[in-house]
């Protein structure tokens, strides 16, 4: 399996996320994948991808057997095939999906952010799956995560995925000086509400699009 480009990783992570958070709207249309990739919350870094960029990534993921295109609808729909392609359990897939969407995180952050994907009993269980991914043997494809050097002033090490190739040493930055990092440390309840709101909007968009298809109307345009 070749390293994924940043756009391919974002598209794949979005498919993995929506399969768990909005199952009623899954598989996803191209419009829904674009909206999920370009979310302002729960994404690091933020992206502003076009339909053409997302479609190109979906085609590549399909070629790599990481995404599947569904038929039987007027609009093509997409779903991921991550666990089967990489041979990892659901818990590991959830952690890798979160790392693709949100960037490097500590085990504690991963446990909180995984609440709507998979409920881990405690941080130790998260760490156990991360270590398993870190020690993955070469005959299974090699390791999929790496521990990053502890940043100055940080108590915990962060983890990063290796699906897009080797990860360089992080630039030195005081944890509290980065507004994006500070926002990531917001109360889990508030972040969960923001995530739920965005999922509801995506689901409503899917419902409207399905109604338009049934009524023979043109599909929804790309959201601004």
N, C-alpha and C. Protein backbone atom coordinates (compact mmCIF):
# COMPACT_ATOMS: atom_id res chain seq x y z
N UNK A 1 0.85 -1.19 0.00
CA UNK A 1 0.00 0.00 0.00
C UNK A 1 0.88 1.24 0.00
N UNK A 2 0.76 2.06 -1.01
CA UNK A 2 1.58 3.27 -1.09
C UNK A 2 1.10 4.31 -0.07
N UNK A 3 1.95 5.27 0.28
CA UNK A 3 1.51 6.33 1.20
C UNK A 3 0.37 7.14 0.58
N UNK A 4 -0.58 7.54 1.42
CA UNK A 4 -1.71 8.34 0.95
C UNK A 4 -1.32 9.81 0.91
N UNK A 5 -1.87 10.54 -0.05
CA UNK A 5 -1.67 11.99 -0.08
C UNK A 5 -2.52 12.60 1.03
N UNK A 6 -2.23 13.85 1.44
CA UNK A 6 -3.05 14.49 2.47
C UNK A 6 -4.54 14.54 2.10
N UNK A 7 -4.85 14.77 0.83
CA UNK A 7 -6.25 14.82 0.41
C UNK A 7 -6.89 13.44 0.49
N UNK A 8 -6.16 12.42 0.06
CA UNK A 8 -6.69 11.06 0.14
C UNK A 8 -6.93 10.65 1.59
N UNK A 9 -6.00 11.02 2.48
CA UNK A 9 -6.18 10.70 3.89
C UNK A 9 -7.39 11.43 4.46
N UNK A 10 -7.61 12.68 4.07
CA UNK A 10 -8.77 13.44 4.55
C UNK A 10 -10.08 12.80 4.05
N UNK A 11 -10.11 12.42 2.79
CA UNK A 11 -11.32 11.80 2.23
C UNK A 11 -11.59 10.46 2.90
N UNK A 12 -10.56 9.65 3.06
CA UNK A 12 -10.73 8.35 3.70
C UNK A 12 -11.18 8.51 5.15
N UNK A 13 -10.55 9.42 5.88
CA UNK A 13 -10.95 9.65 7.26
C UNK A 13 -12.39 10.13 7.37
N UNK A 14 -12.82 10.96 6.43
CA UNK A 14 -14.20 11.45 6.43
C UNK A 14 -15.19 10.31 6.21
N UNK A 15 -14.90 9.42 5.28
CA UNK A 15 -15.77 8.27 5.05
C UNK A 15 -15.85 7.40 6.30
N UNK A 16 -14.73 7.22 6.97
CA UNK A 16 -14.70 6.40 8.18
C UNK A 16 -15.49 7.06 9.31
N UNK A 17 -15.38 8.37 9.42
CA UNK A 17 -16.09 9.10 10.46
C UNK A 17 -17.60 9.04 10.25
N UNK A 18 -18.05 9.35 9.04
CA UNK A 18 -19.48 9.43 8.78
C UNK A 18 -20.16 8.07 8.84
N UNK A 19 -19.41 7.00 8.58
CA UNK A 19 -19.98 5.67 8.73
C UNK A 19 -20.42 5.41 10.16
N UNK A 20 -19.73 6.06 11.12
CA UNK A 20 -20.04 5.86 12.53
C UNK A 20 -20.97 6.93 13.09
N UNK A 21 -20.84 8.18 12.61
CA UNK A 21 -21.59 9.27 13.22
C UNK A 21 -22.92 9.58 12.54
N UNK A 22 -23.05 9.30 11.24
CA UNK A 22 -24.32 9.53 10.54
C UNK A 22 -24.65 8.30 9.68
N UNK A 23 -24.84 7.15 10.32
CA UNK A 23 -25.07 5.91 9.55
C UNK A 23 -26.30 5.97 8.65
N UNK A 24 -27.31 6.77 9.01
CA UNK A 24 -28.52 6.85 8.19
C UNK A 24 -28.25 7.51 6.85
N UNK A 25 -27.18 8.30 6.75
CA UNK A 25 -26.86 8.99 5.50
C UNK A 25 -25.71 8.31 4.75
N UNK A 26 -25.31 7.15 5.22
CA UNK A 26 -24.15 6.46 4.68
C UNK A 26 -24.60 5.29 3.82
N UNK A 27 -23.93 5.00 2.68
CA UNK A 27 -22.77 5.64 2.06
C UNK A 27 -23.04 7.09 1.64
N UNK A 28 -21.97 7.84 1.37
CA UNK A 28 -22.06 9.26 1.13
C UNK A 28 -22.01 9.62 -0.35
N UNK A 29 -22.76 10.66 -0.70
CA UNK A 29 -22.65 11.24 -2.04
C UNK A 29 -21.39 12.08 -2.11
N UNK A 30 -21.00 12.48 -3.32
CA UNK A 30 -19.82 13.33 -3.49
C UNK A 30 -20.00 14.63 -2.72
N UNK A 31 -21.19 15.23 -2.79
CA UNK A 31 -21.44 16.48 -2.07
C UNK A 31 -21.21 16.32 -0.58
N UNK A 32 -21.69 15.21 -0.02
CA UNK A 32 -21.54 14.98 1.41
C UNK A 32 -20.08 14.75 1.79
N UNK A 33 -19.32 14.06 0.93
CA UNK A 33 -17.90 13.85 1.21
C UNK A 33 -17.16 15.19 1.22
N UNK A 34 -17.47 16.04 0.23
CA UNK A 34 -16.83 17.37 0.16
C UNK A 34 -17.13 18.17 1.43
N UNK A 35 -18.41 18.17 1.84
CA UNK A 35 -18.80 18.91 3.04
C UNK A 35 -18.08 18.37 4.27
N UNK A 36 -17.97 17.05 4.38
CA UNK A 36 -17.28 16.45 5.52
C UNK A 36 -15.80 16.77 5.54
N UNK A 37 -15.17 16.77 4.37
CA UNK A 37 -13.74 17.09 4.30
C UNK A 37 -13.46 18.54 4.70
N UNK A 38 -14.40 19.43 4.37
CA UNK A 38 -14.19 20.86 4.59
C UNK A 38 -14.79 21.39 5.89
N UNK A 39 -15.19 20.50 6.80
CA UNK A 39 -15.71 20.94 8.08
C UNK A 39 -14.70 21.84 8.78
N UNK A 40 -15.23 22.80 9.53
CA UNK A 40 -14.35 23.71 10.28
C UNK A 40 -13.96 23.13 11.64
N UNK A 41 -14.82 22.30 12.21
CA UNK A 41 -14.50 21.67 13.50
C UNK A 41 -14.04 20.24 13.27
N UNK A 42 -13.31 19.72 14.22
CA UNK A 42 -12.83 18.33 14.20
C UNK A 42 -11.91 18.04 13.03
N UNK A 43 -11.23 19.06 12.51
CA UNK A 43 -10.31 18.89 11.39
C UNK A 43 -9.02 19.66 11.66
N UNK A 44 -7.89 19.01 11.44
CA UNK A 44 -6.60 19.67 11.60
C UNK A 44 -5.62 19.01 10.62
N UNK A 45 -5.19 19.73 9.58
CA UNK A 45 -5.50 21.14 9.32
C UNK A 45 -6.85 21.31 8.62
N UNK A 46 -7.38 22.53 8.64
CA UNK A 46 -8.59 22.83 7.90
C UNK A 46 -8.27 22.80 6.40
N UNK A 47 -9.21 22.32 5.61
CA UNK A 47 -9.02 22.26 4.16
C UNK A 47 -10.22 22.87 3.46
N UNK A 48 -10.01 23.27 2.22
CA UNK A 48 -11.10 23.79 1.39
C UNK A 48 -10.99 23.09 0.03
N UNK A 49 -11.42 21.85 -0.02
CA UNK A 49 -11.25 21.01 -1.21
C UNK A 49 -12.39 21.22 -2.19
N UNK A 50 -12.10 21.11 -3.46
CA UNK A 50 -13.11 21.21 -4.50
C UNK A 50 -13.70 19.84 -4.79
N UNK A 51 -14.82 19.81 -5.51
CA UNK A 51 -15.42 18.53 -5.90
C UNK A 51 -14.44 17.71 -6.74
N UNK A 52 -13.72 18.39 -7.64
CA UNK A 52 -12.77 17.68 -8.51
C UNK A 52 -11.66 17.02 -7.69
N UNK A 53 -11.15 17.73 -6.68
CA UNK A 53 -10.09 17.16 -5.84
C UNK A 53 -10.59 15.96 -5.06
N UNK A 54 -11.79 16.07 -4.52
CA UNK A 54 -12.35 14.96 -3.75
C UNK A 54 -12.66 13.78 -4.66
N UNK A 55 -13.20 14.04 -5.84
CA UNK A 55 -13.51 12.96 -6.77
C UNK A 55 -12.23 12.23 -7.19
N UNK A 56 -11.17 13.00 -7.44
CA UNK A 56 -9.90 12.37 -7.79
C UNK A 56 -9.37 11.49 -6.67
N UNK A 57 -9.51 11.95 -5.44
CA UNK A 57 -9.07 11.14 -4.30
C UNK A 57 -9.91 9.89 -4.15
N UNK A 58 -11.22 10.02 -4.35
CA UNK A 58 -12.11 8.85 -4.27
C UNK A 58 -11.73 7.81 -5.32
N UNK A 59 -11.43 8.26 -6.53
CA UNK A 59 -11.05 7.34 -7.60
C UNK A 59 -9.76 6.60 -7.24
N UNK A 60 -8.80 7.33 -6.64
CA UNK A 60 -7.55 6.70 -6.24
C UNK A 60 -7.77 5.71 -5.09
N UNK A 61 -8.60 6.10 -4.12
CA UNK A 61 -8.90 5.19 -3.00
C UNK A 61 -9.61 3.94 -3.50
N UNK A 62 -10.45 4.09 -4.51
CA UNK A 62 -11.12 2.94 -5.10
C UNK A 62 -10.09 2.02 -5.76
N UNK A 63 -9.12 2.60 -6.45
CA UNK A 63 -8.08 1.81 -7.10
C UNK A 63 -7.24 1.05 -6.07
N UNK A 64 -7.08 1.65 -4.89
CA UNK A 64 -6.31 1.01 -3.82
C UNK A 64 -7.16 0.07 -2.97
N UNK A 65 -8.43 -0.11 -3.34
CA UNK A 65 -9.37 -0.96 -2.60
C UNK A 65 -9.66 -0.42 -1.21
N UNK A 66 -9.51 0.90 -1.02
CA UNK A 66 -9.81 1.52 0.26
C UNK A 66 -11.19 2.19 0.27
N UNK A 67 -11.80 2.32 -0.90
CA UNK A 67 -13.14 2.90 -1.00
C UNK A 67 -13.92 2.11 -2.05
N UNK A 68 -15.23 2.07 -1.85
CA UNK A 68 -16.11 1.33 -2.74
C UNK A 68 -17.23 2.25 -3.21
N UNK A 69 -17.49 2.23 -4.52
CA UNK A 69 -18.57 3.03 -5.09
C UNK A 69 -19.83 2.19 -5.17
N UNK A 70 -20.92 2.70 -4.62
CA UNK A 70 -22.19 1.98 -4.63
C UNK A 70 -22.97 2.32 -5.88
N UNK A 71 -23.73 1.36 -6.38
CA UNK A 71 -24.57 1.58 -7.54
C UNK A 71 -26.03 1.45 -7.12
N UNK A 72 -26.95 1.68 -8.07
CA UNK A 72 -28.37 1.54 -7.77
C UNK A 72 -29.03 2.85 -7.40
N UNK A 73 -28.32 3.98 -7.53
CA UNK A 73 -28.88 5.28 -7.23
C UNK A 73 -28.48 6.24 -8.34
N UNK A 74 -29.27 7.28 -8.53
CA UNK A 74 -28.95 8.26 -9.56
C UNK A 74 -27.67 9.01 -9.22
N UNK A 75 -27.33 9.06 -7.95
CA UNK A 75 -26.12 9.72 -7.49
C UNK A 75 -25.16 8.67 -6.94
N UNK A 76 -23.92 8.69 -7.40
CA UNK A 76 -22.92 7.73 -6.90
C UNK A 76 -22.70 7.96 -5.41
N UNK A 77 -22.56 6.87 -4.68
CA UNK A 77 -22.33 6.95 -3.24
C UNK A 77 -21.09 6.13 -2.90
N UNK A 78 -20.42 6.58 -1.84
CA UNK A 78 -19.12 6.01 -1.50
C UNK A 78 -19.07 5.54 -0.05
N UNK A 79 -18.34 4.44 0.17
CA UNK A 79 -18.08 3.94 1.51
C UNK A 79 -16.64 3.45 1.59
N UNK A 80 -16.11 3.40 2.79
CA UNK A 80 -14.71 2.99 2.94
C UNK A 80 -14.60 1.48 3.09
N UNK A 81 -13.41 0.99 2.85
CA UNK A 81 -13.10 -0.44 2.99
C UNK A 81 -11.82 -0.59 3.81
N UNK A 82 -11.64 0.32 4.77
CA UNK A 82 -10.37 0.43 5.47
C UNK A 82 -10.00 -0.81 6.27
N UNK A 83 -10.92 -1.27 7.09
CA UNK A 83 -10.58 -2.38 7.98
C UNK A 83 -10.22 -3.65 7.22
N UNK A 84 -10.95 -3.90 6.14
CA UNK A 84 -10.66 -5.10 5.36
C UNK A 84 -9.34 -4.95 4.62
N UNK A 85 -9.07 -3.75 4.10
CA UNK A 85 -7.84 -3.53 3.33
C UNK A 85 -6.60 -3.61 4.21
N UNK A 86 -6.68 -3.06 5.42
CA UNK A 86 -5.51 -3.03 6.31
C UNK A 86 -5.51 -4.15 7.34
N UNK A 87 -6.63 -4.84 7.50
CA UNK A 87 -6.67 -5.94 8.44
C UNK A 87 -6.53 -5.52 9.88
N UNK A 88 -7.25 -4.46 10.26
CA UNK A 88 -7.20 -3.99 11.65
C UNK A 88 -8.59 -4.05 12.26
N UNK A 89 -8.70 -4.19 13.59
CA UNK A 89 -10.01 -4.23 14.25
C UNK A 89 -10.66 -2.85 14.26
N UNK A 90 -11.93 -2.83 14.64
CA UNK A 90 -12.72 -1.61 14.65
C UNK A 90 -12.09 -0.53 15.54
N UNK A 91 -11.59 -0.93 16.71
CA UNK A 91 -11.00 0.04 17.64
C UNK A 91 -9.78 0.73 17.02
N UNK A 92 -8.92 -0.05 16.38
CA UNK A 92 -7.73 0.52 15.74
C UNK A 92 -8.11 1.42 14.58
N UNK A 93 -9.13 1.01 13.81
CA UNK A 93 -9.59 1.83 12.69
C UNK A 93 -10.10 3.18 13.18
N UNK A 94 -10.81 3.19 14.31
CA UNK A 94 -11.31 4.45 14.87
C UNK A 94 -10.17 5.38 15.23
N UNK A 95 -9.12 4.85 15.84
CA UNK A 95 -7.97 5.67 16.23
C UNK A 95 -7.25 6.22 15.00
N UNK A 96 -7.07 5.39 13.99
CA UNK A 96 -6.39 5.84 12.78
C UNK A 96 -7.21 6.88 12.03
N UNK A 97 -8.53 6.70 12.01
CA UNK A 97 -9.40 7.68 11.37
C UNK A 97 -9.30 9.03 12.05
N UNK A 98 -9.30 9.02 13.37
CA UNK A 98 -9.18 10.27 14.13
C UNK A 98 -7.83 10.95 13.89
N UNK A 99 -6.77 10.17 13.80
CA UNK A 99 -5.45 10.75 13.54
C UNK A 99 -5.38 11.34 12.14
N UNK A 100 -6.08 10.73 11.18
CA UNK A 100 -6.10 11.29 9.83
C UNK A 100 -6.86 12.61 9.79
N UNK A 101 -7.92 12.73 10.57
CA UNK A 101 -8.77 13.92 10.52
C UNK A 101 -8.28 15.05 11.42
N UNK A 102 -7.70 14.72 12.57
CA UNK A 102 -7.38 15.73 13.58
C UNK A 102 -5.90 15.93 13.82
N UNK A 103 -5.06 15.16 13.14
CA UNK A 103 -3.63 15.29 13.35
C UNK A 103 -3.16 14.60 14.62
N UNK A 104 -1.88 14.76 14.99
CA UNK A 104 -1.32 14.08 16.16
C UNK A 104 -2.09 14.41 17.44
N UNK A 105 -2.29 13.39 18.27
CA UNK A 105 -3.03 13.54 19.52
C UNK A 105 -2.45 12.63 20.58
N UNK A 106 -2.68 12.98 21.84
CA UNK A 106 -2.31 12.11 22.94
C UNK A 106 -3.36 11.02 23.09
N UNK A 107 -3.02 9.99 23.86
CA UNK A 107 -3.98 8.92 24.10
C UNK A 107 -5.23 9.44 24.78
N UNK A 108 -5.06 10.41 25.69
CA UNK A 108 -6.21 11.00 26.36
C UNK A 108 -7.11 11.75 25.41
N UNK A 109 -6.51 12.52 24.51
CA UNK A 109 -7.30 13.26 23.52
C UNK A 109 -8.03 12.30 22.59
N UNK A 110 -7.35 11.24 22.21
CA UNK A 110 -7.98 10.25 21.33
C UNK A 110 -9.19 9.59 21.99
N UNK A 111 -9.06 9.30 23.29
CA UNK A 111 -10.20 8.68 23.99
C UNK A 111 -11.42 9.61 23.99
N UNK A 112 -11.19 10.91 24.25
CA UNK A 112 -12.29 11.87 24.27
C UNK A 112 -12.88 12.04 22.87
N UNK A 113 -12.00 12.20 21.86
CA UNK A 113 -12.47 12.44 20.50
C UNK A 113 -13.12 11.23 19.86
N UNK A 114 -12.84 10.04 20.40
CA UNK A 114 -13.40 8.81 19.85
C UNK A 114 -14.79 8.49 20.39
N UNK A 115 -15.33 9.35 21.25
CA UNK A 115 -16.59 9.05 21.94
C UNK A 115 -17.70 8.63 20.98
N UNK A 116 -17.83 9.30 19.85
CA UNK A 116 -18.90 8.98 18.90
C UNK A 116 -18.48 7.92 17.88
N UNK A 117 -17.23 7.51 17.93
CA UNK A 117 -16.75 6.46 17.02
C UNK A 117 -16.76 5.10 17.73
N UNK A 118 -16.09 5.09 18.88
CA UNK A 118 -16.00 3.86 19.69
C UNK A 118 -15.71 4.28 21.12
N UNK A 119 -16.43 3.73 22.07
CA UNK A 119 -16.23 4.09 23.47
C UNK A 119 -15.16 3.18 24.10
N UNK A 120 -14.00 3.79 24.35
CA UNK A 120 -12.93 3.07 25.02
C UNK A 120 -13.14 3.14 26.53
N UNK A 121 -12.88 2.05 27.21
CA UNK A 121 -13.13 1.98 28.65
C UNK A 121 -12.26 2.97 29.41
N UNK A 122 -11.00 3.11 29.00
CA UNK A 122 -10.08 4.02 29.69
C UNK A 122 -8.91 4.32 28.76
N UNK A 123 -8.01 5.19 29.23
CA UNK A 123 -6.86 5.56 28.41
C UNK A 123 -5.95 4.36 28.16
N UNK A 124 -5.88 3.46 29.13
CA UNK A 124 -5.02 2.28 28.98
C UNK A 124 -5.43 1.44 27.78
N UNK A 125 -6.74 1.34 27.55
CA UNK A 125 -7.20 0.54 26.41
C UNK A 125 -6.84 1.23 25.09
N UNK A 126 -6.90 2.56 25.08
CA UNK A 126 -6.48 3.30 23.89
C UNK A 126 -4.99 3.04 23.63
N UNK A 127 -4.19 3.15 24.69
CA UNK A 127 -2.75 2.95 24.55
C UNK A 127 -2.42 1.54 24.08
N UNK A 128 -3.19 0.56 24.54
CA UNK A 128 -2.95 -0.83 24.14
C UNK A 128 -3.12 -1.01 22.63
N UNK A 129 -4.17 -0.40 22.07
CA UNK A 129 -4.38 -0.51 20.62
C UNK A 129 -3.33 0.29 19.86
N UNK A 130 -2.90 1.43 20.41
CA UNK A 130 -1.85 2.21 19.75
C UNK A 130 -0.54 1.44 19.72
N UNK A 131 -0.19 0.80 20.82
CA UNK A 131 1.04 0.01 20.87
C UNK A 131 0.97 -1.15 19.88
N UNK A 132 -0.21 -1.74 19.77
CA UNK A 132 -0.39 -2.83 18.80
C UNK A 132 -0.14 -2.34 17.38
N UNK A 133 -0.64 -1.13 17.07
CA UNK A 133 -0.41 -0.55 15.74
C UNK A 133 1.05 -0.15 15.55
N UNK A 134 1.69 0.26 16.64
CA UNK A 134 3.10 0.66 16.59
C UNK A 134 4.01 -0.55 16.37
N UNK A 135 3.62 -1.69 16.91
CA UNK A 135 4.45 -2.89 16.84
C UNK A 135 3.99 -3.87 15.76
N UNK A 136 3.15 -3.41 14.87
CA UNK A 136 2.63 -4.25 13.79
C UNK A 136 3.79 -4.83 12.97
N UNK A 137 3.75 -6.12 12.74
CA UNK A 137 4.86 -6.80 12.07
C UNK A 137 4.91 -6.46 10.58
N UNK A 138 6.10 -6.65 10.00
CA UNK A 138 6.29 -6.33 8.58
C UNK A 138 5.44 -7.22 7.68
N UNK A 139 5.20 -8.47 8.10
CA UNK A 139 4.40 -9.36 7.25
C UNK A 139 2.94 -8.94 7.20
N UNK A 140 2.53 -8.05 8.12
CA UNK A 140 1.18 -7.50 8.09
C UNK A 140 1.13 -6.11 7.48
N UNK A 141 2.29 -5.66 6.98
CA UNK A 141 2.32 -4.33 6.36
C UNK A 141 3.12 -3.30 7.12
N UNK A 142 3.61 -3.67 8.32
CA UNK A 142 4.42 -2.73 9.09
C UNK A 142 3.59 -1.85 10.00
N UNK A 143 4.28 -1.07 10.80
CA UNK A 143 3.59 -0.24 11.80
C UNK A 143 2.79 0.87 11.13
N UNK A 144 1.72 1.29 11.81
CA UNK A 144 0.80 2.29 11.26
C UNK A 144 0.76 3.58 12.07
N UNK A 145 1.39 3.59 13.25
CA UNK A 145 1.45 4.81 14.06
C UNK A 145 2.86 4.97 14.62
N UNK A 146 3.16 6.19 15.07
CA UNK A 146 4.46 6.46 15.67
C UNK A 146 4.25 7.43 16.84
N UNK A 147 5.07 7.28 17.87
CA UNK A 147 5.05 8.24 18.99
C UNK A 147 5.96 9.41 18.63
N UNK A 148 5.45 10.60 18.80
CA UNK A 148 6.24 11.79 18.53
C UNK A 148 7.02 12.18 19.78
N UNK A 149 8.19 12.82 19.63
CA UNK A 149 8.93 13.30 20.81
C UNK A 149 8.06 14.23 21.63
N UNK A 150 8.18 14.12 22.93
CA UNK A 150 7.37 14.97 23.81
C UNK A 150 7.75 16.44 23.61
N UNK A 151 6.75 17.27 23.36
CA UNK A 151 6.98 18.69 23.14
C UNK A 151 7.38 19.36 24.46
N UNK A 152 8.14 20.47 24.39
CA UNK A 152 8.54 21.17 25.62
C UNK A 152 7.32 21.57 26.46
N UNK A 153 7.32 21.19 27.72
CA UNK A 153 6.22 21.54 28.61
C UNK A 153 5.04 20.59 28.56
N UNK A 154 5.06 19.63 27.64
CA UNK A 154 3.94 18.69 27.52
C UNK A 154 4.12 17.52 28.47
N UNK A 155 3.01 17.04 29.01
CA UNK A 155 3.07 15.90 29.95
C UNK A 155 3.02 14.57 29.21
N UNK A 156 2.30 14.53 28.10
CA UNK A 156 2.10 13.28 27.38
C UNK A 156 2.67 13.36 25.97
N UNK A 157 3.06 12.21 25.46
CA UNK A 157 3.49 12.13 24.07
C UNK A 157 2.27 12.08 23.16
N UNK A 158 2.43 12.66 21.99
CA UNK A 158 1.38 12.56 20.99
C UNK A 158 1.69 11.43 20.01
N UNK A 159 0.65 10.93 19.39
CA UNK A 159 0.76 9.86 18.39
C UNK A 159 0.37 10.41 17.03
N UNK A 160 0.99 9.88 15.98
CA UNK A 160 0.66 10.27 14.60
C UNK A 160 0.54 9.02 13.75
N UNK A 161 -0.29 9.09 12.71
CA UNK A 161 -0.43 7.93 11.82
C UNK A 161 0.68 7.95 10.76
N UNK A 162 0.94 6.78 10.18
CA UNK A 162 1.97 6.65 9.16
C UNK A 162 1.37 6.27 7.81
N UNK A 163 0.08 6.48 7.64
CA UNK A 163 -0.59 6.11 6.39
C UNK A 163 -0.15 7.01 5.25
N UNK A 164 0.37 8.19 5.56
CA UNK A 164 0.86 9.10 4.52
C UNK A 164 2.38 9.13 4.49
N UNK A 165 3.02 8.12 5.04
CA UNK A 165 4.47 8.04 5.04
C UNK A 165 5.07 8.48 6.36
N UNK A 166 6.40 8.49 6.44
CA UNK A 166 7.08 8.87 7.69
C UNK A 166 6.71 10.27 8.14
N UNK A 167 6.71 10.45 9.46
CA UNK A 167 6.38 11.74 10.05
C UNK A 167 7.64 12.37 10.60
N UNK A 168 7.89 13.62 10.22
CA UNK A 168 9.07 14.32 10.71
C UNK A 168 8.88 14.79 12.13
N UNK A 169 9.95 15.21 12.75
CA UNK A 169 9.87 15.73 14.12
C UNK A 169 9.02 17.00 14.12
N UNK A 170 8.13 17.15 15.09
CA UNK A 170 7.28 18.34 15.14
C UNK A 170 8.08 19.60 15.41
N UNK A 171 7.63 20.70 14.87
CA UNK A 171 8.29 21.97 15.16
C UNK A 171 8.04 22.34 16.61
N UNK A 172 9.02 23.00 17.21
CA UNK A 172 8.89 23.36 18.63
C UNK A 172 7.86 24.46 18.79
N UNK A 173 6.86 24.21 19.61
CA UNK A 173 5.82 25.20 19.83
C UNK A 173 5.27 25.05 21.23
N UNK A 174 5.14 26.10 22.00
CA UNK A 174 4.52 25.99 23.32
C UNK A 174 3.07 25.55 23.14
N UNK A 175 2.63 24.52 23.85
CA UNK A 175 1.27 24.00 23.65
C UNK A 175 0.19 25.06 23.76
N UNK A 176 0.30 26.00 24.70
CA UNK A 176 -0.78 26.97 24.91
C UNK A 176 -0.71 28.14 23.95
N UNK A 177 0.40 28.25 23.17
CA UNK A 177 0.55 29.42 22.32
C UNK A 177 -0.21 29.30 21.01
N UNK A 178 -0.59 28.07 20.65
CA UNK A 178 -1.27 27.83 19.39
C UNK A 178 -2.77 27.89 19.60
N UNK A 179 -3.49 28.85 19.01
CA UNK A 179 -4.94 28.95 19.20
C UNK A 179 -5.67 27.69 18.79
N UNK A 180 -5.17 27.03 17.71
CA UNK A 180 -5.85 25.80 17.27
C UNK A 180 -5.75 24.73 18.34
N UNK A 181 -4.55 24.64 18.97
CA UNK A 181 -4.39 23.64 20.03
C UNK A 181 -5.24 24.01 21.24
N UNK A 182 -5.29 25.30 21.53
CA UNK A 182 -6.10 25.73 22.66
C UNK A 182 -7.56 25.41 22.43
N UNK A 183 -8.01 25.59 21.17
CA UNK A 183 -9.40 25.25 20.86
C UNK A 183 -9.65 23.76 20.99
N UNK A 184 -8.61 22.96 20.66
CA UNK A 184 -8.78 21.51 20.75
C UNK A 184 -8.94 21.08 22.20
N UNK A 185 -8.47 21.92 23.13
CA UNK A 185 -8.57 21.57 24.54
C UNK A 185 -9.88 22.06 25.16
N UNK A 186 -10.79 22.55 24.33
CA UNK A 186 -12.09 23.00 24.84
C UNK A 186 -12.83 21.86 25.50
N UNK A 187 -13.78 22.16 26.37
CA UNK A 187 -14.51 21.09 27.04
C UNK A 187 -15.07 20.08 26.05
N UNK A 188 -14.94 18.81 26.40
CA UNK A 188 -15.37 17.74 25.50
C UNK A 188 -16.85 17.85 25.18
N UNK A 189 -17.66 18.30 26.15
CA UNK A 189 -19.10 18.42 25.91
C UNK A 189 -19.41 19.41 24.81
N UNK A 190 -18.71 20.56 24.81
CA UNK A 190 -18.93 21.57 23.78
C UNK A 190 -18.51 21.05 22.41
N UNK A 191 -17.36 20.39 22.34
CA UNK A 191 -16.90 19.85 21.06
C UNK A 191 -17.86 18.79 20.55
N UNK A 192 -18.37 17.96 21.45
CA UNK A 192 -19.31 16.93 21.04
C UNK A 192 -20.59 17.54 20.47
N UNK A 193 -21.03 18.66 21.08
CA UNK A 193 -22.23 19.33 20.56
C UNK A 193 -21.98 19.92 19.18
N UNK A 194 -20.79 20.48 18.97
CA UNK A 194 -20.46 21.02 17.65
C UNK A 194 -20.42 19.91 16.61
N UNK A 195 -19.80 18.78 16.97
CA UNK A 195 -19.73 17.65 16.05
C UNK A 195 -21.12 17.13 15.71
N UNK A 196 -21.97 17.04 16.74
CA UNK A 196 -23.33 16.54 16.52
C UNK A 196 -24.11 17.47 15.60
N UNK A 197 -23.92 18.80 15.79
CA UNK A 197 -24.62 19.78 14.95
C UNK A 197 -24.19 19.64 13.50
N UNK A 198 -22.89 19.51 13.26
CA UNK A 198 -22.42 19.37 11.89
C UNK A 198 -22.92 18.06 11.27
N UNK A 199 -22.97 17.00 12.06
CA UNK A 199 -23.50 15.73 11.55
C UNK A 199 -24.97 15.86 11.18
N UNK A 200 -25.74 16.57 12.02
CA UNK A 200 -27.16 16.77 11.73
C UNK A 200 -27.35 17.54 10.43
N UNK A 201 -26.53 18.58 10.23
CA UNK A 201 -26.63 19.37 9.00
C UNK A 201 -26.31 18.51 7.78
N UNK A 202 -25.27 17.68 7.90
CA UNK A 202 -24.90 16.81 6.79
C UNK A 202 -26.02 15.82 6.49
N UNK A 203 -26.67 15.31 7.55
CA UNK A 203 -27.75 14.36 7.35
C UNK A 203 -28.95 15.03 6.70
N UNK A 204 -29.28 16.25 7.11
CA UNK A 204 -30.39 16.99 6.49
C UNK A 204 -30.09 17.27 5.03
N UNK A 205 -28.86 17.58 4.71
CA UNK A 205 -28.49 17.83 3.32
C UNK A 205 -28.70 16.57 2.48
N UNK A 206 -28.35 15.43 3.05
CA UNK A 206 -28.54 14.18 2.34
C UNK A 206 -30.03 13.88 2.11
N UNK A 207 -30.85 14.17 3.11
CA UNK A 207 -32.29 13.92 2.98
C UNK A 207 -32.89 14.79 1.89
N UNK A 208 -32.52 16.07 1.89
CA UNK A 208 -33.03 16.99 0.86
C UNK A 208 -32.59 16.53 -0.53
N UNK A 209 -31.34 16.10 -0.64
CA UNK A 209 -30.85 15.65 -1.93
C UNK A 209 -31.61 14.42 -2.40
N UNK A 210 -31.89 13.49 -1.47
CA UNK A 210 -32.64 12.29 -1.84
C UNK A 210 -34.05 12.65 -2.31
N UNK A 211 -34.68 13.63 -1.64
CA UNK A 211 -36.01 14.07 -2.05
C UNK A 211 -35.97 14.70 -3.44
N UNK A 212 -34.93 15.48 -3.71
CA UNK A 212 -34.80 16.08 -5.03
C UNK A 212 -34.66 15.02 -6.11
N UNK A 213 -33.90 13.96 -5.80
CA UNK A 213 -33.74 12.87 -6.77
C UNK A 213 -35.09 12.21 -7.05
N UNK A 214 -35.86 11.98 -6.00
CA UNK A 214 -37.17 11.33 -6.17
C UNK A 214 -38.13 12.20 -6.97
N UNK A 215 -38.02 13.53 -6.81
CA UNK A 215 -38.91 14.45 -7.52
C UNK A 215 -38.38 14.85 -8.88
N UNK A 216 -37.20 14.34 -9.24
CA UNK A 216 -36.65 14.63 -10.54
C UNK A 216 -36.04 16.02 -10.66
N UNK A 217 -35.73 16.63 -9.50
CA UNK A 217 -35.14 17.96 -9.53
C UNK A 217 -33.63 17.85 -9.62
N UNK A 218 -32.98 18.95 -9.95
CA UNK A 218 -31.52 18.95 -10.03
C UNK A 218 -30.95 18.78 -8.64
N UNK A 219 -29.78 18.18 -8.57
CA UNK A 219 -29.17 17.91 -7.27
C UNK A 219 -28.71 19.19 -6.62
N UNK A 220 -28.48 19.11 -5.30
CA UNK A 220 -28.01 20.26 -4.55
C UNK A 220 -26.68 20.74 -5.10
N UNK A 221 -26.50 22.03 -5.15
CA UNK A 221 -25.21 22.55 -5.57
C UNK A 221 -24.21 22.43 -4.45
N UNK A 222 -22.96 22.68 -4.78
CA UNK A 222 -21.91 22.61 -3.77
C UNK A 222 -22.14 23.70 -2.73
N UNK A 223 -22.14 23.35 -1.43
CA UNK A 223 -22.38 24.34 -0.39
C UNK A 223 -21.29 25.39 -0.39
N UNK A 224 -21.69 26.66 -0.14
CA UNK A 224 -20.70 27.73 -0.14
C UNK A 224 -19.91 27.74 1.13
